[in-house]
Protein backbone atom coordinates (compact mmCIF):
# COMPACT_ATOMS: atom_id res chain seq x y z
CA MET A 1 30.28 17.72 -7.80
CA HIS A 2 28.75 19.65 -10.69
CA GLN A 3 25.79 21.93 -9.88
CA ALA A 4 23.70 23.68 -12.52
CA ARG A 5 20.47 25.60 -12.96
CA LEU A 6 18.57 24.05 -15.85
CA SER A 7 15.96 25.31 -18.24
CA ILE A 8 13.86 22.27 -19.10
CA GLU A 9 12.21 22.91 -22.44
CA LEU A 10 9.10 20.76 -22.92
CA PRO A 11 6.80 20.89 -25.96
CA ASP A 12 4.21 23.01 -24.14
CA VAL A 13 6.05 24.70 -21.26
CA ARG A 14 9.46 25.68 -19.91
CA LEU A 15 10.32 24.50 -16.40
CA VAL A 16 13.20 25.44 -14.10
CA GLY A 17 15.34 22.83 -12.35
CA ASP A 18 18.45 22.45 -10.19
CA LEU A 19 20.83 19.58 -10.95
CA TRP A 20 23.46 18.15 -8.60
CA LEU A 21 25.69 15.75 -10.52
CA PRO A 22 28.44 13.88 -8.64
CA THR A 23 31.41 12.45 -10.51
CA GLU A 24 30.57 8.92 -11.71
CA ALA A 25 26.99 9.13 -10.47
CA LYS A 26 25.27 5.79 -9.80
CA GLY A 27 21.89 7.07 -10.92
CA LEU A 28 19.62 10.12 -11.11
CA VAL A 29 16.87 10.84 -8.58
CA VAL A 30 14.16 13.21 -9.81
CA PHE A 31 12.24 14.97 -7.04
CA VAL A 32 8.50 15.44 -7.48
CA HIS A 33 7.42 17.91 -4.84
CA GLY A 34 4.09 17.91 -3.08
CA SER A 35 1.14 20.23 -2.81
CA GLY A 36 2.01 23.88 -2.34
CA SER A 37 5.77 23.25 -2.50
CA SER A 38 8.56 23.90 -5.01
CA ARG A 39 12.08 22.81 -5.89
CA LEU A 40 13.25 25.06 -3.03
CA SER A 41 11.52 22.94 -0.38
CA PRO A 42 14.03 22.72 2.51
CA ARG A 43 12.98 19.13 3.21
CA ASN A 44 13.62 17.94 -0.34
CA GLN A 45 16.80 20.02 -0.50
CA GLN A 46 18.08 18.26 2.62
CA VAL A 47 17.31 14.82 1.24
CA ALA A 48 18.83 15.75 -2.14
CA ARG A 49 22.08 16.83 -0.48
CA TYR A 50 22.30 13.53 1.37
CA LEU A 51 21.65 11.52 -1.80
CA SER A 52 24.30 13.51 -3.65
CA GLU A 53 26.79 12.71 -0.90
CA GLN A 54 26.03 9.03 -1.54
CA GLY A 55 26.94 9.39 -5.22
CA LEU A 56 23.46 9.86 -6.67
CA ALA A 57 22.66 12.72 -9.03
CA THR A 58 19.56 14.71 -8.09
CA LEU A 59 17.20 16.90 -10.10
CA LEU A 60 14.76 19.19 -8.33
CA PHE A 61 12.41 21.07 -10.64
CA ASP A 62 9.27 23.16 -10.40
CA LEU A 63 6.18 21.37 -11.63
CA LEU A 64 4.39 24.68 -12.17
CA THR A 65 5.48 27.88 -13.92
CA GLU A 66 5.75 31.13 -11.96
CA SER A 67 2.38 32.33 -13.23
CA GLU A 68 0.74 29.00 -12.39
CA GLU A 69 2.23 29.12 -8.89
CA ARG A 70 0.73 32.58 -8.34
CA ILE A 71 -2.68 31.24 -9.34
CA ASP A 72 -2.26 28.13 -7.22
CA ARG A 73 -1.40 30.14 -4.11
CA VAL A 74 -4.91 31.58 -4.35
CA THR A 75 -6.93 28.62 -5.65
CA CYS A 76 -4.91 25.60 -4.37
CA GLN A 77 -6.24 23.69 -7.39
CA LEU A 78 -3.21 22.96 -9.57
CA ARG A 79 -1.30 21.25 -6.78
CA PHE A 80 -4.02 18.56 -6.77
CA ASP A 81 -4.25 18.33 -10.56
CA ILE A 82 -2.60 14.92 -10.71
CA PRO A 83 -2.99 14.51 -14.51
CA LEU A 84 -1.22 17.86 -15.06
CA LEU A 85 1.59 17.00 -12.63
CA THR A 86 1.99 13.58 -14.26
CA HIS A 87 2.09 15.12 -17.75
CA ARG A 88 4.83 17.52 -16.66
CA LEU A 89 6.84 14.73 -15.02
CA VAL A 90 6.58 12.49 -18.09
CA GLY A 91 7.84 15.42 -20.14
CA VAL A 92 10.85 15.75 -17.83
CA LEU A 93 11.55 12.01 -18.11
CA ASP A 94 11.51 12.31 -21.90
CA TRP A 95 13.79 15.36 -21.67
CA ILE A 96 16.27 13.38 -19.54
CA ALA A 97 16.21 10.49 -22.02
CA ALA A 98 17.24 12.92 -24.79
CA ASP A 99 19.96 14.70 -22.77
CA PRO A 100 23.49 13.43 -23.60
CA GLU A 101 24.79 14.15 -20.10
CA LEU A 102 22.01 12.34 -18.23
CA SER A 103 20.45 9.77 -20.56
CA HIS A 104 22.79 6.93 -19.49
CA LEU A 105 21.78 7.19 -15.82
CA PRO A 106 19.05 4.94 -14.39
CA VAL A 107 16.27 7.12 -12.97
CA GLY A 108 14.49 7.00 -9.64
CA LEU A 109 11.61 9.23 -8.52
CA PHE A 110 11.28 10.76 -5.05
CA GLY A 111 7.69 11.90 -4.59
CA ALA A 112 6.24 13.86 -1.68
CA SER A 113 2.54 14.38 -0.89
CA THR A 114 0.59 14.69 -4.19
CA GLY A 115 3.86 14.37 -6.11
CA ALA A 116 4.04 10.71 -5.07
CA ALA A 117 0.86 9.95 -7.06
CA ALA A 118 2.32 11.71 -10.09
CA ALA A 119 5.51 9.67 -9.68
CA ILE A 120 3.56 6.40 -9.76
CA LEU A 121 1.49 7.42 -12.78
CA ALA A 122 4.58 8.60 -14.68
CA ALA A 123 6.31 5.29 -13.92
CA VAL A 124 3.28 3.45 -15.29
CA GLU A 125 3.40 5.61 -18.43
CA ARG A 126 7.18 5.28 -18.87
CA PRO A 127 7.99 1.86 -17.34
CA ASP A 128 11.31 1.60 -19.20
CA ARG A 129 12.56 4.90 -17.76
CA VAL A 130 11.79 4.63 -14.02
CA GLN A 131 13.75 2.05 -12.04
CA ALA A 132 12.62 2.87 -8.48
CA ILE A 133 10.28 5.15 -6.50
CA VAL A 134 10.40 6.52 -2.97
CA SER A 135 7.35 8.21 -1.46
CA ARG A 136 7.78 10.59 1.52
CA GLY A 137 4.45 11.15 3.25
CA GLY A 138 2.96 10.57 -0.18
CA ARG A 139 -0.64 10.56 -1.36
CA THR A 140 0.06 7.39 -3.30
CA ASP A 141 -3.65 6.55 -2.99
CA LEU A 142 -4.38 9.29 -5.55
CA ALA A 143 -2.88 7.03 -8.24
CA GLY A 144 -6.18 5.11 -8.03
CA ASN A 145 -6.74 2.10 -10.25
CA GLN A 146 -3.32 2.48 -11.91
CA LEU A 147 -1.56 1.12 -8.82
CA GLU A 148 -1.79 -2.48 -9.96
CA ARG A 149 0.03 -1.55 -13.20
CA LEU A 150 3.11 -0.22 -11.39
CA ARG A 151 6.23 -2.33 -12.02
CA ALA A 152 8.95 -0.12 -10.53
CA PRO A 153 9.89 -1.08 -6.96
CA ILE A 154 8.43 1.43 -4.51
CA LEU A 155 9.29 2.36 -0.93
CA GLN A 156 6.62 4.24 1.00
CA ILE A 157 7.95 6.20 4.00
CA VAL A 158 5.36 7.66 6.36
CA GLY A 159 5.29 9.10 9.85
CA ALA A 160 3.66 7.03 12.60
CA ARG A 161 1.73 10.11 13.73
CA ASP A 162 0.53 10.97 10.21
CA LEU A 163 -2.50 8.74 10.57
CA PRO A 164 -4.46 9.72 7.40
CA THR A 165 -1.44 9.20 5.15
CA LEU A 166 -0.43 6.03 6.99
CA GLY A 167 -3.88 4.55 6.42
CA GLY A 168 -3.78 5.43 2.73
CA ASN A 169 -0.26 4.01 2.33
CA ARG A 170 -1.33 0.75 3.91
CA GLN A 171 -4.24 0.45 1.48
CA VAL A 172 -1.88 1.16 -1.42
CA SER A 173 0.55 -1.49 -0.16
CA ARG A 174 -2.21 -4.09 -0.36
CA ALA A 175 -3.12 -3.01 -3.92
CA LEU A 176 0.39 -3.14 -5.38
CA ALA A 177 1.70 -6.11 -7.37
CA CYS A 178 5.31 -4.90 -7.67
CA GLU A 179 8.24 -5.09 -5.25
CA GLN A 180 7.41 -2.78 -2.37
CA ARG A 181 8.06 -1.82 1.23
CA LEU A 182 6.27 0.39 3.76
CA ASP A 183 8.51 1.97 6.39
CA VAL A 184 6.89 3.81 9.31
CA ILE A 185 9.06 6.39 11.13
CA PRO A 186 8.26 6.40 14.88
CA ASP A 187 7.00 9.71 16.34
CA ALA A 188 7.08 11.47 12.95
CA THR A 189 4.28 13.67 11.64
CA HIS A 190 3.47 14.48 8.00
CA LEU A 191 6.36 16.90 7.39
CA PHE A 192 8.98 14.93 9.37
CA GLU A 193 9.85 18.01 11.42
CA GLU A 194 10.75 16.04 14.55
CA PRO A 195 14.49 15.74 15.34
CA GLY A 196 16.21 13.03 13.33
CA THR A 197 13.14 11.93 11.36
CA LEU A 198 14.02 13.55 8.04
CA GLN A 199 17.56 12.18 8.32
CA GLU A 200 16.01 8.73 8.63
CA VAL A 201 13.91 9.40 5.53
CA ALA A 202 17.08 10.32 3.62
CA ARG A 203 18.92 7.23 4.85
CA LEU A 204 16.09 4.89 3.85
CA ALA A 205 15.65 6.57 0.48
CA ALA A 206 19.37 6.36 -0.28
CA GLY A 207 19.42 2.64 0.50
CA TRP A 208 16.43 1.97 -1.76
CA PHE A 209 17.79 3.98 -4.66
CA GLU A 210 21.31 2.60 -4.36
CA GLN A 211 19.98 -0.95 -4.40
CA HIS A 212 17.75 -0.57 -7.43
CA LEU A 213 19.58 2.08 -9.49
CA SER A 214 22.95 0.37 -9.09
CA ALA A 215 21.39 -2.89 -10.27
CA ALA A 216 19.88 -1.11 -13.29
CA LEU A 217 23.23 0.53 -14.09
CA GLN A 218 24.97 -2.87 -14.01
CA ARG A 219 22.28 -4.37 -16.28
CA GLY A 220 22.86 -1.54 -18.74
CA ALA A 221 26.63 -2.06 -18.66
CA ARG A 222 26.19 -5.74 -19.57
CA ARG A 223 24.15 -5.01 -22.67
């Protein structure tokens, strides 16, 4: 297992990321954290460790710079700036496509809260680069009228006790035209803090990514 702190140089900003790269990785899962969070989110870190143990590379990066995070802690505005978050994520996808160590890996996106909307919009903008999406308690509804353009298979995971998000995810499920699934975790709230619930999120996410990223890797090998 190779671990590295990355400096992701985009045309208009430099972002910081943490890469976990197993030997002979089956794919790369990019984490898109939610409102008020960062790459150090213990929930995403726990899921990333599990995915890495299953042979999937993971990249956790900060969507905002340090100065932007300081501003956002006061205003809480940038975390809901979906166009900005999408722009940053698209930049990271382009950076991966140009990186010799990572460019051969099929990419999946793991989005939480507002990051799930950015994941969908980035997949619409770069349909050839995103092979699968998992949303954890995601505000997928914030992708709006772009939902019907999504082609990447998406798994929405939501807690049964997170009623606002569950309602929004169900509406999104009806609007999607791509392969999709909605999994509801019994007794879980928005942050999946109840015993065993986050482990179930990780298990479901790993299954979804392994299915779709492995298939994409095999398609690439046949070309």
